[in-house]
Amino acid sequence: MLGAGFTLADLGERVSWRALVASVRHARRESALFRVLYPEGARWGELEHLTAGLVDSVQLLVWLGTEDARKNRNRPAPLARPDDSGATKSSDGNHVGADAIPVTDFQSWWDSQGVTNGD
């Protein structure tokens, strides 16, 4: 919001509460807010992920030329990434995107969010 020239004093007049929520939820990785909300994720950008992937690949290539590789043992572990659980977490800490959910479960969740047409 500050980057757009708004302050908290503008809430309710020039800036809606919805806009404030959107700016918090979609804070840029470089922002102080993002670093506070996601301290580990803030340190890992695209370059860090690509570098970790490169290191993993080189380790695997080196391993492939060893006796251990021929016997399929001691395979190198990939570098740990932030939240390496394989699932994405939402702002409330729940895992997202693992499997499909029943429509009734989604409808219950949607209704609990208080979203109405015209918001």
Protein backbone atom coordinates (compact mmCIF):
# COMPACT_ATOMS: atom_id res chain seq x y z
CA MET A 1 0.00 0.00 0.00
CA LEU A 2 2.79 2.38 0.85
CA GLY A 3 4.28 1.80 -2.59
CA ALA A 4 1.00 3.00 -4.11
CA GLY A 5 0.99 6.13 -1.95
CA PHE A 6 -1.54 4.99 0.67
CA THR A 7 -1.23 4.73 4.44
CA LEU A 8 -3.35 3.09 7.12
CA ALA A 9 -5.03 6.49 7.62
CA ASP A 10 -6.61 5.99 4.18
CA LEU A 11 -8.46 2.84 5.30
CA GLY A 12 -12.20 3.09 4.85
CA GLU A 13 -12.01 6.16 2.63
CA ARG A 14 -9.48 5.87 -0.19
CA VAL A 15 -8.56 2.22 0.51
CA SER A 16 -10.99 -0.60 1.26
CA TRP A 17 -10.40 -3.27 3.87
CA ARG A 18 -10.45 -5.76 1.03
CA ALA A 19 -7.55 -3.95 -0.64
CA LEU A 20 -5.61 -4.07 2.64
CA VAL A 21 -6.19 -7.82 2.96
CA ALA A 22 -5.11 -8.33 -0.66
CA SER A 23 -1.91 -6.34 -0.13
CA VAL A 24 -1.06 -8.41 2.95
CA ARG A 25 -1.84 -11.76 1.31
CA HIS A 26 0.12 -10.89 -1.84
CA ALA A 27 3.09 -9.10 -0.32
CA ARG A 28 6.21 -9.17 -2.47
CA ARG A 29 8.97 -11.52 -1.39
CA GLU A 30 11.32 -8.56 -0.88
CA SER A 31 8.95 -6.78 1.51
CA ALA A 32 9.42 -6.63 5.27
CA LEU A 33 5.89 -8.01 5.72
CA PHE A 34 6.69 -11.12 3.68
CA ARG A 35 9.90 -11.65 5.68
CA VAL A 36 7.88 -11.52 8.93
CA LEU A 37 5.09 -13.82 7.69
CA TYR A 38 7.33 -16.33 5.88
CA PRO A 39 10.85 -16.00 7.30
CA GLU A 40 12.27 -19.13 5.66
CA GLY A 41 10.49 -18.62 2.33
CA ALA A 42 11.71 -15.03 2.09
CA ARG A 43 15.29 -16.25 1.85
CA TRP A 44 14.53 -18.59 -1.05
CA GLY A 45 13.85 -16.96 -4.40
CA GLU A 46 13.94 -18.39 -7.89
CA LEU A 47 17.74 -18.18 -8.06
CA GLU A 48 18.17 -20.10 -4.80
CA HIS A 49 15.80 -22.85 -5.96
CA LEU A 50 17.58 -23.12 -9.31
CA THR A 51 20.97 -23.27 -7.59
CA ALA A 52 19.78 -26.01 -5.24
CA GLY A 53 18.48 -27.96 -8.25
CA LEU A 54 21.85 -27.59 -9.96
CA VAL A 55 23.71 -28.82 -6.86
CA ASP A 56 21.34 -31.80 -6.61
CA SER A 57 21.95 -32.66 -10.27
CA VAL A 58 25.74 -32.44 -9.97
CA GLN A 59 25.73 -34.60 -6.84
CA LEU A 60 23.62 -37.20 -8.65
CA LEU A 61 25.91 -37.17 -11.71
CA VAL A 62 28.98 -37.68 -9.53
CA TRP A 63 27.23 -40.49 -7.63
CA LEU A 64 26.27 -42.23 -10.89
CA GLY A 65 29.96 -42.90 -11.59
CA THR A 66 30.57 -44.68 -8.29
CA GLU A 67 30.41 -48.22 -7.03
CA ASP A 68 27.56 -47.16 -4.76
CA ALA A 69 25.47 -46.26 -7.81
CA ARG A 70 26.10 -49.65 -9.41
CA LYS A 71 24.85 -51.29 -6.21
CA ASN A 72 22.05 -48.69 -5.82
CA ARG A 73 23.06 -47.53 -2.35
CA ASN A 74 24.02 -44.25 -0.64
CA ARG A 75 22.19 -42.13 -3.19
CA PRO A 76 22.82 -38.44 -2.37
CA ALA A 77 19.92 -36.66 -0.70
CA PRO A 78 18.68 -33.46 -2.33
CA LEU A 79 19.33 -30.18 -0.55
CA ALA A 80 16.54 -29.27 1.84
CA ARG A 81 14.23 -26.52 0.66
CA PRO A 82 12.00 -24.30 2.81
CA ASP A 83 8.87 -26.26 3.83
CA ASP A 84 10.14 -29.36 2.07
CA SER A 85 7.00 -31.30 2.97
CA GLY A 86 5.87 -31.35 -0.67
CA ALA A 87 2.60 -29.58 0.10
CA THR A 88 1.81 -25.90 0.03
CA LYS A 89 0.45 -24.26 3.17
CA SER A 90 -2.23 -21.61 3.22
CA SER A 91 -2.13 -18.55 5.45
CA ASP A 92 -4.02 -20.45 8.17
CA GLY A 93 -1.40 -23.25 8.19
CA ASN A 94 -3.50 -25.89 6.41
CA HIS A 95 -1.98 -27.95 3.62
CA VAL A 96 -3.37 -27.09 0.19
CA GLY A 97 -3.37 -28.95 -3.09
CA ALA A 98 -2.70 -32.50 -1.93
CA ASP A 99 -5.87 -34.20 -3.19
CA ALA A 100 -9.33 -33.38 -4.47
CA ILE A 101 -11.99 -32.75 -1.85
CA PRO A 102 -15.70 -33.47 -2.01
CA VAL A 103 -17.87 -30.62 -3.31
CA THR A 104 -19.77 -30.51 -0.02
CA ASP A 105 -16.52 -29.92 1.91
CA PHE A 106 -15.59 -27.09 -0.45
CA GLN A 107 -19.05 -25.56 -0.16
CA SER A 108 -18.83 -25.65 3.64
CA TRP A 109 -15.44 -23.97 3.54
CA TRP A 110 -16.63 -21.36 1.04
CA ASP A 111 -19.68 -20.55 3.15
CA SER A 112 -17.47 -20.19 6.24
CA GLN A 113 -15.41 -17.49 4.49
CA GLY A 114 -18.36 -15.11 4.45
CA VAL A 115 -17.90 -14.28 0.77
CA THR A 116 -20.97 -12.82 -0.90
CA ASN A 117 -21.68 -11.54 -4.39
CA GLY A 118 -20.78 -7.92 -4.79
CA ASP A 119 -18.01 -7.90 -2.18
